[in-house]
Amino acid sequence: MNQRISIKSPLTWLALAFLVFSLPACLKKLTVKNIVYENSFADGELSGLKVSGWNNGSFGTLPEPRISYFDGKYVLGKLNNNIVRLQLNELPKHDILRVEIELNLHNGWKNDLWKMEFDGETRLLTGFSNDPLVKQSYPNWLGNGTPLGVAGTNARQTGMPGICTTPSSQLGSSAYTIVQTFGHTKNDFTLQLSDAGGNVNDTCTRSWSLGRLTVSVFHN
């Protein structure tokens, strides 16, 4: 037989009172977000980023910032067979860390390798393509056996101007927004981005750039 609990029950009133008075406290436990690094490159500064690559036949930290103008805004690039590294220290207390990247791929990408590392561990190893005749790995990992997708899969925009020469030549450019969110509690964080493929320093044939880089931490 079904039983109905009377609202007049003292225990019921007690439960309702607890719910009413505890609700505001629950709502106050919202996630606190702190942006610990943000760079749109509009001021022409690397702001702590280090760019390494080949220069005059040897590999090392590049002396120039390589900040250029593309698609109406400043970007870090052109980059080709380069490493971009960011070291952050004394982070505020946090449980979650998020990296957001606006990535531009210019010209002759044919499932060439692009890599993202967090604290020395590979977070994403993938390939991109601007050539409609060459499929790409992204958003899957390169070489892990998953099926390849068409060039430009998951891109925010494709068919953008190329770089260096006639704007529409050499397969143009594509733009991606890459967001990685993961558990993280350490006081410091190291981000490293790199690529491999094509001829070293040939940034007109194949290159990449960053339109924005943001690192945020969250704490409950």
N, C-alpha and C. Protein backbone atom coordinates (compact mmCIF):
# COMPACT_ATOMS: atom_id res chain seq x y z
N MET A 1 0.84 -1.19 0.00
CA MET A 1 0.00 0.00 0.00
C MET A 1 0.87 1.24 0.00
N ASN A 2 0.59 2.22 -0.85
CA ASN A 2 1.36 3.45 -0.91
C ASN A 2 1.08 4.31 0.30
N GLN A 3 2.12 4.92 0.82
CA GLN A 3 1.99 5.80 1.96
C GLN A 3 2.37 7.21 1.56
N ARG A 4 1.66 8.19 2.04
CA ARG A 4 1.96 9.59 1.79
C ARG A 4 2.49 10.21 3.07
N ILE A 5 3.57 10.95 2.96
CA ILE A 5 4.17 11.59 4.12
C ILE A 5 3.51 12.94 4.31
N SER A 6 2.98 13.16 5.43
CA SER A 6 2.30 14.42 5.72
C SER A 6 3.31 15.55 5.87
N ILE A 7 3.00 16.70 5.27
CA ILE A 7 3.86 17.86 5.38
C ILE A 7 3.90 18.39 6.81
N LYS A 8 2.94 17.87 7.61
CA LYS A 8 2.87 18.33 8.98
C LYS A 8 3.86 17.59 9.86
N SER A 9 4.49 16.57 9.34
CA SER A 9 5.45 15.81 10.11
C SER A 9 6.61 16.69 10.54
N PRO A 10 7.02 16.65 11.81
CA PRO A 10 8.17 17.45 12.28
C PRO A 10 9.44 17.14 11.51
N LEU A 11 9.61 15.84 11.17
CA LEU A 11 10.81 15.49 10.42
C LEU A 11 10.80 16.11 9.03
N THR A 12 9.61 16.18 8.42
CA THR A 12 9.51 16.79 7.10
C THR A 12 9.82 18.27 7.14
N TRP A 13 9.29 18.95 8.14
CA TRP A 13 9.58 20.38 8.30
C TRP A 13 11.07 20.60 8.52
N LEU A 14 11.68 19.73 9.29
CA LEU A 14 13.11 19.86 9.56
C LEU A 14 13.92 19.69 8.29
N ALA A 15 13.51 18.72 7.45
CA ALA A 15 14.22 18.49 6.19
C ALA A 15 14.08 19.68 5.26
N LEU A 16 12.86 20.25 5.19
CA LEU A 16 12.63 21.40 4.32
C LEU A 16 13.42 22.62 4.80
N ALA A 17 13.47 22.81 6.10
CA ALA A 17 14.22 23.94 6.66
C ALA A 17 15.70 23.80 6.34
N PHE A 18 16.22 22.58 6.45
CA PHE A 18 17.63 22.36 6.14
C PHE A 18 17.93 22.67 4.68
N LEU A 19 17.02 22.26 3.79
CA LEU A 19 17.20 22.50 2.36
C LEU A 19 17.20 23.99 2.06
N VAL A 20 16.25 24.72 2.66
CA VAL A 20 16.12 26.15 2.40
C VAL A 20 17.35 26.92 2.85
N PHE A 21 17.84 26.60 4.04
CA PHE A 21 18.96 27.35 4.59
C PHE A 21 20.30 26.92 4.04
N SER A 22 20.39 25.69 3.52
CA SER A 22 21.67 25.20 2.98
C SER A 22 21.85 25.55 1.51
N LEU A 23 20.76 25.86 0.80
CA LEU A 23 20.85 26.15 -0.63
C LEU A 23 21.76 27.32 -0.94
N PRO A 24 21.66 28.47 -0.23
CA PRO A 24 22.57 29.58 -0.53
C PRO A 24 24.03 29.19 -0.37
N ALA A 25 24.33 28.36 0.63
CA ALA A 25 25.71 27.94 0.85
C ALA A 25 26.20 27.10 -0.32
N CYS A 26 25.31 26.24 -0.86
CA CYS A 26 25.69 25.41 -2.00
C CYS A 26 25.97 26.27 -3.23
N LEU A 27 25.14 27.30 -3.41
CA LEU A 27 25.31 28.16 -4.57
C LEU A 27 26.61 28.96 -4.50
N LYS A 28 27.09 29.19 -3.28
CA LYS A 28 28.33 29.96 -3.13
C LYS A 28 29.55 29.15 -3.52
N LYS A 29 29.42 27.82 -3.60
CA LYS A 29 30.57 26.97 -3.92
C LYS A 29 30.76 26.89 -5.43
N LEU A 30 30.88 28.02 -6.06
CA LEU A 30 31.10 28.07 -7.50
C LEU A 30 32.58 28.02 -7.80
N THR A 31 32.94 27.55 -8.99
CA THR A 31 34.34 27.46 -9.38
C THR A 31 34.94 28.84 -9.59
N VAL A 32 36.09 29.05 -9.01
CA VAL A 32 36.82 30.31 -9.15
C VAL A 32 37.82 30.16 -10.28
N LYS A 33 37.77 31.07 -11.25
CA LYS A 33 38.67 31.01 -12.40
C LYS A 33 39.69 32.13 -12.32
N ASN A 34 40.95 31.78 -12.54
CA ASN A 34 42.02 32.76 -12.62
C ASN A 34 42.76 32.58 -13.95
N ILE A 35 42.82 33.64 -14.74
CA ILE A 35 43.64 33.61 -15.96
C ILE A 35 45.07 33.92 -15.54
N VAL A 36 45.96 32.95 -15.68
CA VAL A 36 47.34 33.12 -15.23
C VAL A 36 48.27 33.53 -16.36
N TYR A 37 47.80 33.37 -17.60
CA TYR A 37 48.60 33.83 -18.74
C TYR A 37 47.67 34.07 -19.91
N GLU A 38 47.87 35.20 -20.60
CA GLU A 38 47.09 35.50 -21.80
C GLU A 38 47.92 36.39 -22.71
N ASN A 39 47.99 36.01 -23.97
CA ASN A 39 48.78 36.79 -24.92
C ASN A 39 48.10 36.74 -26.28
N SER A 40 47.73 37.91 -26.79
CA SER A 40 47.17 38.02 -28.14
C SER A 40 48.21 38.59 -29.10
N PHE A 41 49.41 38.90 -28.59
CA PHE A 41 50.55 39.37 -29.38
C PHE A 41 50.33 40.74 -30.01
N ALA A 42 49.28 41.45 -29.57
CA ALA A 42 48.98 42.76 -30.14
C ALA A 42 50.04 43.80 -29.80
N ASP A 43 50.74 43.59 -28.66
CA ASP A 43 51.76 44.56 -28.28
C ASP A 43 53.14 44.20 -28.81
N GLY A 44 53.22 43.11 -29.59
CA GLY A 44 54.49 42.71 -30.18
C GLY A 44 55.46 42.05 -29.23
N GLU A 45 54.97 41.62 -28.05
CA GLU A 45 55.84 41.04 -27.04
C GLU A 45 55.57 39.54 -26.87
N LEU A 46 56.63 38.80 -26.59
CA LEU A 46 56.48 37.38 -26.33
C LEU A 46 55.94 37.11 -24.92
N SER A 47 56.20 38.02 -23.99
CA SER A 47 55.67 37.92 -22.63
C SER A 47 55.96 36.57 -21.99
N GLY A 48 57.23 36.21 -21.95
CA GLY A 48 57.64 34.98 -21.29
C GLY A 48 57.76 33.77 -22.18
N LEU A 49 57.25 33.83 -23.40
CA LEU A 49 57.39 32.72 -24.33
C LEU A 49 58.82 32.66 -24.88
N LYS A 50 59.32 31.46 -25.06
CA LYS A 50 60.61 31.26 -25.70
C LYS A 50 60.41 30.45 -26.97
N VAL A 51 60.98 30.94 -28.06
CA VAL A 51 60.86 30.26 -29.35
C VAL A 51 62.23 29.74 -29.75
N SER A 52 62.30 28.44 -30.02
CA SER A 52 63.56 27.82 -30.44
C SER A 52 63.41 27.24 -31.83
N GLY A 53 64.53 27.12 -32.52
CA GLY A 53 64.51 26.54 -33.86
C GLY A 53 65.85 26.68 -34.53
N TRP A 54 65.88 26.39 -35.81
CA TRP A 54 67.11 26.45 -36.58
C TRP A 54 67.39 27.89 -37.02
N ASN A 55 68.63 28.31 -36.83
CA ASN A 55 69.03 29.65 -37.21
C ASN A 55 70.51 29.62 -37.61
N ASN A 56 70.79 29.95 -38.86
CA ASN A 56 72.18 29.94 -39.35
C ASN A 56 72.85 28.58 -39.16
N GLY A 57 72.07 27.51 -39.38
CA GLY A 57 72.65 26.17 -39.35
C GLY A 57 72.71 25.52 -38.00
N SER A 58 72.31 26.20 -36.91
CA SER A 58 72.36 25.60 -35.59
C SER A 58 71.01 25.79 -34.89
N PHE A 59 70.72 24.90 -33.94
CA PHE A 59 69.45 24.96 -33.24
C PHE A 59 69.61 25.66 -31.90
N GLY A 60 68.73 26.59 -31.61
CA GLY A 60 68.78 27.29 -30.33
C GLY A 60 67.64 28.29 -30.24
N THR A 61 67.65 29.08 -29.15
CA THR A 61 66.62 30.10 -28.97
C THR A 61 66.76 31.18 -30.02
N LEU A 62 65.68 31.49 -30.70
CA LEU A 62 65.73 32.48 -31.78
C LEU A 62 65.81 33.89 -31.20
N PRO A 63 66.63 34.74 -31.78
CA PRO A 63 66.82 36.09 -31.24
C PRO A 63 65.66 37.03 -31.51
N GLU A 64 64.87 36.77 -32.55
CA GLU A 64 63.78 37.68 -32.89
C GLU A 64 62.44 37.06 -32.48
N PRO A 65 61.43 37.90 -32.15
CA PRO A 65 60.17 37.37 -31.65
C PRO A 65 59.30 36.69 -32.70
N ARG A 66 59.51 37.00 -33.98
CA ARG A 66 58.70 36.41 -35.04
C ARG A 66 57.20 36.71 -34.87
N ILE A 67 56.88 37.92 -34.55
CA ILE A 67 55.48 38.33 -34.48
C ILE A 67 55.15 39.07 -35.77
N SER A 68 54.08 38.62 -36.44
CA SER A 68 53.71 39.17 -37.74
C SER A 68 52.22 39.49 -37.76
N TYR A 69 51.73 39.90 -38.90
CA TYR A 69 50.34 40.31 -39.06
C TYR A 69 49.66 39.36 -40.03
N PHE A 70 48.55 38.77 -39.59
CA PHE A 70 47.84 37.82 -40.43
C PHE A 70 46.33 37.93 -40.18
N ASP A 71 45.57 37.98 -41.26
CA ASP A 71 44.11 37.98 -41.20
C ASP A 71 43.57 39.07 -40.26
N GLY A 72 44.20 40.23 -40.32
CA GLY A 72 43.70 41.37 -39.57
C GLY A 72 44.14 41.48 -38.13
N LYS A 73 45.09 40.63 -37.69
CA LYS A 73 45.56 40.74 -36.32
C LYS A 73 46.99 40.21 -36.21
N TYR A 74 47.62 40.54 -35.09
CA TYR A 74 48.99 40.10 -34.86
C TYR A 74 49.00 38.65 -34.38
N VAL A 75 50.00 37.91 -34.81
CA VAL A 75 50.15 36.50 -34.44
C VAL A 75 51.61 36.21 -34.13
N LEU A 76 51.84 35.15 -33.36
CA LEU A 76 53.20 34.65 -33.17
C LEU A 76 53.48 33.69 -34.31
N GLY A 77 54.35 34.06 -35.18
CA GLY A 77 54.66 33.27 -36.37
C GLY A 77 55.20 34.19 -37.45
N LYS A 78 55.67 33.65 -38.55
CA LYS A 78 55.51 32.27 -39.02
C LYS A 78 56.51 31.34 -38.34
N LEU A 79 56.05 30.12 -38.05
CA LEU A 79 56.88 29.13 -37.38
C LEU A 79 56.96 27.88 -38.25
N ASN A 80 58.16 27.29 -38.28
CA ASN A 80 58.37 26.08 -39.07
C ASN A 80 59.48 25.27 -38.41
N ASN A 81 59.15 24.03 -38.00
CA ASN A 81 60.09 23.20 -37.25
C ASN A 81 60.62 23.96 -36.04
N ASN A 82 59.72 24.56 -35.31
CA ASN A 82 60.05 25.37 -34.15
C ASN A 82 59.44 24.80 -32.87
N ILE A 83 59.93 25.28 -31.74
CA ILE A 83 59.40 24.95 -30.42
C ILE A 83 59.02 26.24 -29.72
N VAL A 84 57.79 26.32 -29.22
CA VAL A 84 57.34 27.45 -28.41
C VAL A 84 57.14 26.93 -26.99
N ARG A 85 57.78 27.58 -26.03
CA ARG A 85 57.77 27.08 -24.65
C ARG A 85 57.35 28.18 -23.68
N LEU A 86 56.50 27.80 -22.72
CA LEU A 86 56.04 28.72 -21.69
C LEU A 86 56.21 28.05 -20.34
N GLN A 87 56.88 28.74 -19.41
CA GLN A 87 57.07 28.25 -18.05
C GLN A 87 56.35 29.18 -17.08
N LEU A 88 55.39 28.65 -16.34
CA LEU A 88 54.65 29.44 -15.36
C LEU A 88 54.97 28.92 -13.96
N ASN A 89 55.23 29.84 -13.03
CA ASN A 89 55.57 29.50 -11.65
C ASN A 89 54.64 30.21 -10.68
N GLU A 90 54.60 29.69 -9.46
CA GLU A 90 53.82 30.28 -8.38
C GLU A 90 52.35 30.48 -8.78
N LEU A 91 51.76 29.43 -9.31
CA LEU A 91 50.35 29.48 -9.67
C LEU A 91 49.48 29.55 -8.42
N PRO A 92 48.34 30.23 -8.49
CA PRO A 92 47.42 30.21 -7.35
C PRO A 92 46.88 28.80 -7.12
N LYS A 93 46.36 28.55 -5.92
CA LYS A 93 45.82 27.24 -5.60
C LYS A 93 44.75 26.86 -6.60
N HIS A 94 44.82 25.63 -7.11
CA HIS A 94 43.88 25.23 -8.14
C HIS A 94 43.75 23.71 -8.19
N ASP A 95 42.69 23.26 -8.84
CA ASP A 95 42.43 21.84 -9.05
C ASP A 95 42.41 21.47 -10.53
N ILE A 96 42.10 22.47 -11.37
CA ILE A 96 41.95 22.26 -12.80
C ILE A 96 42.77 23.31 -13.54
N LEU A 97 43.38 22.91 -14.65
CA LEU A 97 44.12 23.85 -15.50
C LEU A 97 43.59 23.71 -16.93
N ARG A 98 43.45 24.85 -17.60
CA ARG A 98 42.94 24.84 -18.98
C ARG A 98 43.87 25.64 -19.88
N VAL A 99 44.19 25.08 -21.03
CA VAL A 99 44.98 25.75 -22.06
C VAL A 99 44.09 25.97 -23.28
N GLU A 100 44.03 27.21 -23.76
CA GLU A 100 43.24 27.54 -24.94
C GLU A 100 44.16 28.18 -25.98
N ILE A 101 44.12 27.65 -27.19
CA ILE A 101 45.04 28.10 -28.24
C ILE A 101 44.26 28.39 -29.51
N GLU A 102 44.54 29.52 -30.11
CA GLU A 102 44.07 29.81 -31.47
C GLU A 102 45.23 29.50 -32.41
N LEU A 103 45.09 28.42 -33.16
CA LEU A 103 46.17 27.91 -34.00
C LEU A 103 45.85 28.12 -35.47
N ASN A 104 46.78 28.71 -36.20
CA ASN A 104 46.65 28.90 -37.65
C ASN A 104 47.65 28.00 -38.37
N LEU A 105 47.18 27.29 -39.38
CA LEU A 105 48.04 26.44 -40.21
C LEU A 105 48.10 27.05 -41.60
N HIS A 106 49.31 27.39 -42.04
CA HIS A 106 49.47 28.11 -43.29
C HIS A 106 50.04 27.21 -44.40
N ASN A 107 49.39 27.27 -45.54
CA ASN A 107 49.91 26.72 -46.79
C ASN A 107 50.03 25.20 -46.78
N GLY A 108 51.20 24.67 -47.13
CA GLY A 108 51.32 23.27 -47.56
C GLY A 108 51.36 22.22 -46.48
N TRP A 109 50.41 22.23 -45.54
CA TRP A 109 50.32 21.16 -44.54
C TRP A 109 49.69 19.93 -45.18
N LYS A 110 50.36 18.78 -45.02
CA LYS A 110 49.87 17.52 -45.58
C LYS A 110 49.96 16.44 -44.50
N ASN A 111 49.12 16.61 -43.50
CA ASN A 111 49.12 15.77 -42.29
C ASN A 111 50.47 15.81 -41.59
N ASP A 112 51.10 16.97 -41.63
CA ASP A 112 52.37 17.16 -40.92
C ASP A 112 52.14 17.21 -39.41
N LEU A 113 53.16 16.86 -38.67
CA LEU A 113 53.05 16.67 -37.22
C LEU A 113 53.00 18.00 -36.47
N TRP A 114 52.10 18.05 -35.49
CA TRP A 114 52.03 19.16 -34.54
C TRP A 114 51.84 18.57 -33.15
N LYS A 115 52.57 19.10 -32.17
CA LYS A 115 52.63 18.45 -30.86
C LYS A 115 52.41 19.45 -29.73
N MET A 116 51.67 19.01 -28.70
CA MET A 116 51.44 19.81 -27.50
C MET A 116 51.88 18.99 -26.29
N GLU A 117 52.71 19.59 -25.43
CA GLU A 117 53.20 18.90 -24.25
C GLU A 117 52.89 19.72 -22.99
N PHE A 118 52.45 19.04 -21.94
CA PHE A 118 52.21 19.65 -20.64
C PHE A 118 53.15 19.01 -19.62
N ASP A 119 53.94 19.82 -18.95
CA ASP A 119 54.86 19.33 -17.91
C ASP A 119 55.70 18.16 -18.41
N GLY A 120 56.15 18.25 -19.66
CA GLY A 120 57.04 17.26 -20.23
C GLY A 120 56.36 16.02 -20.78
N GLU A 121 55.03 15.93 -20.67
CA GLU A 121 54.30 14.78 -21.17
C GLU A 121 53.47 15.19 -22.39
N THR A 122 53.44 14.34 -23.39
CA THR A 122 52.70 14.64 -24.61
C THR A 122 51.20 14.62 -24.33
N ARG A 123 50.56 15.75 -24.64
CA ARG A 123 49.11 15.87 -24.44
C ARG A 123 48.36 15.65 -25.75
N LEU A 124 48.99 16.07 -26.85
CA LEU A 124 48.38 15.89 -28.17
C LEU A 124 49.48 15.76 -29.20
N LEU A 125 49.44 14.69 -29.97
CA LEU A 125 50.36 14.45 -31.07
C LEU A 125 49.50 14.16 -32.28
N THR A 126 49.42 15.11 -33.19
CA THR A 126 48.45 14.99 -34.27
C THR A 126 49.02 15.54 -35.57
N GLY A 127 48.22 15.50 -36.62
CA GLY A 127 48.63 16.02 -37.92
C GLY A 127 47.52 16.83 -38.55
N PHE A 128 47.90 17.88 -39.27
CA PHE A 128 46.94 18.75 -39.94
C PHE A 128 47.22 18.77 -41.43
N SER A 129 46.17 19.06 -42.20
CA SER A 129 46.33 19.15 -43.64
C SER A 129 45.49 20.30 -44.19
N ASN A 130 46.08 21.05 -45.09
CA ASN A 130 45.34 22.05 -45.87
C ASN A 130 45.06 21.57 -47.29
N ASP A 131 45.67 20.46 -47.66
CA ASP A 131 45.53 19.91 -49.00
C ASP A 131 44.31 18.99 -49.06
N PRO A 132 43.29 19.33 -49.85
CA PRO A 132 42.08 18.49 -49.91
C PRO A 132 42.36 17.07 -50.39
N LEU A 133 43.51 16.85 -51.01
CA LEU A 133 43.86 15.51 -51.48
C LEU A 133 44.56 14.67 -50.41
N VAL A 134 44.88 15.30 -49.27
CA VAL A 134 45.60 14.60 -48.20
C VAL A 134 44.77 14.67 -46.92
N LYS A 135 44.37 13.51 -46.38
CA LYS A 135 43.59 13.48 -45.15
C LYS A 135 44.45 13.82 -43.93
N GLN A 136 43.79 14.17 -42.82
CA GLN A 136 44.53 14.56 -41.63
C GLN A 136 44.13 13.73 -40.42
N SER A 137 45.02 13.71 -39.42
CA SER A 137 44.78 12.95 -38.19
C SER A 137 43.87 13.69 -37.23
N TYR A 138 44.06 15.01 -37.08
CA TYR A 138 43.29 15.78 -36.11
C TYR A 138 41.79 15.65 -36.35
N PRO A 139 40.99 15.42 -35.31
CA PRO A 139 41.30 15.59 -33.88
C PRO A 139 41.88 14.36 -33.21
N ASN A 140 42.17 13.30 -33.96
CA ASN A 140 42.78 12.10 -33.39
C ASN A 140 44.30 12.24 -33.36
N TRP A 141 44.92 11.30 -32.68
CA TRP A 141 46.38 11.29 -32.62
C TRP A 141 46.97 10.77 -33.92
N LEU A 142 48.14 11.26 -34.26
CA LEU A 142 48.85 10.83 -35.45
C LEU A 142 49.45 9.44 -35.23
N GLY A 143 49.13 8.52 -36.13
CA GLY A 143 49.74 7.20 -36.09
C GLY A 143 49.19 6.25 -35.06
N ASN A 144 48.01 6.54 -34.46
CA ASN A 144 47.48 5.62 -33.45
C ASN A 144 46.46 4.64 -34.02
N GLY A 145 46.33 4.62 -35.35
CA GLY A 145 45.45 3.66 -35.98
C GLY A 145 44.03 4.13 -36.20
N THR A 146 43.67 5.31 -35.70
CA THR A 146 42.31 5.82 -35.91
C THR A 146 42.17 6.30 -37.35
N PRO A 147 40.95 6.25 -37.90
CA PRO A 147 40.76 6.67 -39.29
C PRO A 147 41.10 8.15 -39.49
N LEU A 148 41.67 8.46 -40.64
CA LEU A 148 41.96 9.85 -40.98
C LEU A 148 40.69 10.54 -41.45
N GLY A 149 40.63 11.85 -41.23
CA GLY A 149 39.49 12.64 -41.69
C GLY A 149 39.90 13.55 -42.83
N VAL A 150 38.94 14.21 -43.41
CA VAL A 150 39.24 15.11 -44.52
C VAL A 150 40.03 16.30 -44.01
N ALA A 151 40.78 16.93 -44.88
CA ALA A 151 41.55 18.11 -44.51
C ALA A 151 40.62 19.18 -43.95
N GLY A 152 41.02 19.77 -42.85
CA GLY A 152 40.22 20.82 -42.23
C GLY A 152 39.18 20.33 -41.25
N THR A 153 39.18 19.04 -40.91
CA THR A 153 38.22 18.52 -39.95
C THR A 153 38.32 19.27 -38.62
N ASN A 154 37.19 19.72 -38.10
CA ASN A 154 37.09 20.44 -36.82
C ASN A 154 37.74 21.82 -36.84
N ALA A 155 38.04 22.33 -38.03
CA ALA A 155 38.61 23.68 -38.12
C ALA A 155 37.55 24.73 -37.81
N ARG A 156 37.96 25.82 -37.19
CA ARG A 156 37.06 26.95 -36.98
C ARG A 156 36.79 27.67 -38.29
N GLN A 157 37.80 27.66 -39.16
CA GLN A 157 37.66 28.32 -40.47
C GLN A 157 38.68 27.72 -41.43
N THR A 158 38.29 27.53 -42.67
CA THR A 158 39.19 27.06 -43.72
C THR A 158 39.12 28.02 -44.90
N GLY A 159 40.01 27.81 -45.86
CA GLY A 159 40.01 28.65 -47.05
C GLY A 159 40.45 30.07 -46.80
N MET A 160 41.20 30.28 -45.74
CA MET A 160 41.72 31.61 -45.44
C MET A 160 42.91 31.92 -46.34
N PRO A 161 43.35 33.18 -46.39
CA PRO A 161 44.50 33.52 -47.24
C PRO A 161 45.75 32.74 -46.85
N GLY A 162 46.58 32.49 -47.84
CA GLY A 162 47.87 31.90 -47.56
C GLY A 162 48.81 32.94 -46.99
N ILE A 163 50.08 32.67 -47.07
CA ILE A 163 51.05 33.59 -46.48
C ILE A 163 52.24 33.72 -47.42
N CYS A 164 52.90 34.83 -47.40
CA CYS A 164 54.11 35.15 -48.19
C CYS A 164 53.80 35.59 -49.61
N THR A 165 53.12 34.73 -50.39
CA THR A 165 52.92 35.02 -51.80
C THR A 165 51.47 35.45 -52.05
N THR A 166 50.95 35.19 -53.22
CA THR A 166 49.58 35.53 -53.54
C THR A 166 48.65 34.95 -52.48
N PRO A 167 47.75 35.76 -51.91
CA PRO A 167 46.95 35.32 -50.77
C PRO A 167 46.25 33.99 -50.94
N SER A 168 45.79 33.65 -52.14
CA SER A 168 45.02 32.42 -52.31
C SER A 168 45.87 31.23 -52.74
N SER A 169 47.17 31.41 -52.85
CA SER A 169 48.02 30.34 -53.36
C SER A 169 48.46 29.39 -52.26
N GLN A 170 49.07 28.30 -52.66
CA GLN A 170 49.68 27.32 -51.78
C GLN A 170 48.71 26.79 -50.72
N LEU A 171 47.47 26.54 -51.14
CA LEU A 171 46.47 25.87 -50.32
C LEU A 171 45.89 26.72 -49.21
N GLY A 172 46.28 27.98 -49.10
CA GLY A 172 45.67 28.87 -48.12
C GLY A 172 46.00 28.53 -46.68
N SER A 173 45.12 28.93 -45.76
CA SER A 173 45.33 28.70 -44.33
C SER A 173 44.04 28.20 -43.70
N SER A 174 44.19 27.55 -42.56
CA SER A 174 43.04 27.11 -41.77
C SER A 174 43.28 27.50 -40.32
N ALA A 175 42.19 27.66 -39.56
CA ALA A 175 42.29 28.10 -38.17
C ALA A 175 41.55 27.12 -37.27
N TYR A 176 42.16 26.82 -36.12
CA TYR A 176 41.60 25.89 -35.15
C TYR A 176 41.62 26.51 -33.76
N THR A 177 40.62 26.17 -32.97
CA THR A 177 40.62 26.50 -31.54
C THR A 177 40.82 25.20 -30.78
N ILE A 178 41.93 25.10 -30.07
CA ILE A 178 42.25 23.88 -29.33
C ILE A 178 42.17 24.19 -27.84
N VAL A 179 41.34 23.43 -27.13
CA VAL A 179 41.16 23.61 -25.69
C VAL A 179 41.44 22.29 -24.99
N GLN A 180 42.31 22.33 -24.00
CA GLN A 180 42.64 21.16 -23.20
C GLN A 180 42.41 21.50 -21.73
N THR A 181 41.56 20.73 -21.05
CA THR A 181 41.26 20.93 -19.64
C THR A 181 41.57 19.65 -18.88
N PHE A 182 42.28 19.76 -17.76
CA PHE A 182 42.70 18.55 -17.06
C PHE A 182 43.00 18.87 -15.60
N GLY A 183 43.03 17.83 -14.77
CA GLY A 183 43.35 18.00 -13.36
C GLY A 183 44.80 18.40 -13.17
N HIS A 184 45.03 19.40 -12.31
CA HIS A 184 46.38 19.89 -12.09
C HIS A 184 46.42 20.64 -10.76
N THR A 185 47.40 20.34 -9.92
CA THR A 185 47.49 20.99 -8.61
C THR A 185 48.88 21.56 -8.32
N LYS A 186 49.85 21.31 -9.17
CA LYS A 186 51.21 21.75 -8.90
C LYS A 186 51.34 23.27 -8.97
N ASN A 187 52.37 23.79 -8.34
CA ASN A 187 52.59 25.24 -8.29
C ASN A 187 53.12 25.79 -9.61
N ASP A 188 53.68 24.92 -10.44
CA ASP A 188 54.23 25.40 -11.71
C ASP A 188 53.67 24.57 -12.87
N PHE A 189 53.85 25.10 -14.06
CA PHE A 189 53.32 24.44 -15.26
C PHE A 189 54.18 24.82 -16.46
N THR A 190 54.49 23.81 -17.28
CA THR A 190 55.28 24.04 -18.49
C THR A 190 54.47 23.60 -19.70
N LEU A 191 54.33 24.50 -20.65
CA LEU A 191 53.65 24.22 -21.91
C LEU A 191 54.67 24.27 -23.04
N GLN A 192 54.62 23.29 -23.92
CA GLN A 192 55.50 23.29 -25.08
C GLN A 192 54.72 22.88 -26.32
N LEU A 193 54.87 23.69 -27.38
CA LEU A 193 54.23 23.44 -28.67
C LEU A 193 55.31 23.31 -29.72
N SER A 194 55.15 22.36 -30.65
CA SER A 194 56.19 22.17 -31.66
C SER A 194 55.59 21.52 -32.90
N ASP A 195 56.37 21.54 -33.98
CA ASP A 195 55.94 20.92 -35.23
C ASP A 195 57.11 20.24 -35.90
N ALA A 196 56.81 19.43 -36.90
CA ALA A 196 57.85 18.78 -37.70
C ALA A 196 57.29 18.46 -39.07
N GLY A 197 58.08 18.75 -40.09
CA GLY A 197 57.66 18.47 -41.45
C GLY A 197 58.12 19.54 -42.40
N GLY A 198 58.26 19.18 -43.66
CA GLY A 198 58.70 20.16 -44.65
C GLY A 198 60.16 20.54 -44.47
N ASN A 199 60.58 21.55 -45.20
CA ASN A 199 61.96 22.01 -45.14
C ASN A 199 62.14 23.00 -43.99
N VAL A 200 63.19 22.80 -43.21
CA VAL A 200 63.47 23.67 -42.07
C VAL A 200 63.60 25.12 -42.52
N ASN A 201 62.91 26.01 -41.78
CA ASN A 201 62.94 27.47 -42.02
C ASN A 201 62.21 27.91 -43.28
N ASP A 202 61.61 26.99 -44.02
CA ASP A 202 60.85 27.38 -45.21
C ASP A 202 59.44 27.76 -44.78
N THR A 203 59.29 28.92 -44.17
CA THR A 203 58.02 29.33 -43.58
C THR A 203 56.98 29.75 -44.61
N CYS A 204 57.38 29.96 -45.84
CA CYS A 204 56.41 30.32 -46.88
C CYS A 204 55.71 29.09 -47.45
N THR A 205 56.39 27.96 -47.49
CA THR A 205 55.80 26.75 -48.02
C THR A 205 54.88 26.07 -47.02
N ARG A 206 55.30 26.10 -45.75
CA ARG A 206 54.49 25.46 -44.69
C ARG A 206 54.87 26.08 -43.35
N SER A 207 53.89 26.63 -42.64
CA SER A 207 54.19 27.25 -41.35
C SER A 207 52.93 27.28 -40.48
N TRP A 208 53.10 27.71 -39.24
CA TRP A 208 51.98 27.84 -38.31
C TRP A 208 52.17 29.09 -37.47
N SER A 209 51.08 29.53 -36.87
CA SER A 209 51.14 30.72 -36.01
C SER A 209 50.10 30.60 -34.91
N LEU A 210 50.30 31.39 -33.85
CA LEU A 210 49.36 31.45 -32.74
C LEU A 210 48.69 32.81 -32.72
N GLY A 211 47.36 32.81 -32.73
CA GLY A 211 46.62 34.05 -32.65
C GLY A 211 46.37 34.48 -31.23
N ARG A 212 46.27 33.53 -30.32
CA ARG A 212 46.05 33.81 -28.90
C ARG A 212 46.43 32.57 -28.10
N LEU A 213 46.98 32.81 -26.92
CA LEU A 213 47.30 31.73 -26.00
C LEU A 213 46.82 32.14 -24.61
N THR A 214 45.97 31.31 -24.00
CA THR A 214 45.43 31.59 -22.68
C THR A 214 45.58 30.36 -21.79
N VAL A 215 46.08 30.58 -20.57
CA VAL A 215 46.16 29.52 -19.56
C VAL A 215 45.36 29.98 -18.35
N SER A 216 44.41 29.14 -17.93
CA SER A 216 43.56 29.48 -16.79
C SER A 216 43.61 28.34 -15.78
N VAL A 217 43.42 28.67 -14.49
CA VAL A 217 43.32 27.66 -13.44
C VAL A 217 41.99 27.86 -12.72
N PHE A 218 41.45 26.75 -12.20
CA PHE A 218 40.15 26.76 -11.53
C PHE A 218 40.28 26.12 -10.16
N HIS A 219 39.57 26.71 -9.20
CA HIS A 219 39.58 26.17 -7.84
C HIS A 219 38.19 26.26 -7.25
N ASN A 220 37.72 25.17 -6.68
CA ASN A 220 36.39 25.15 -6.08
C ASN A 220 36.41 25.72 -4.67
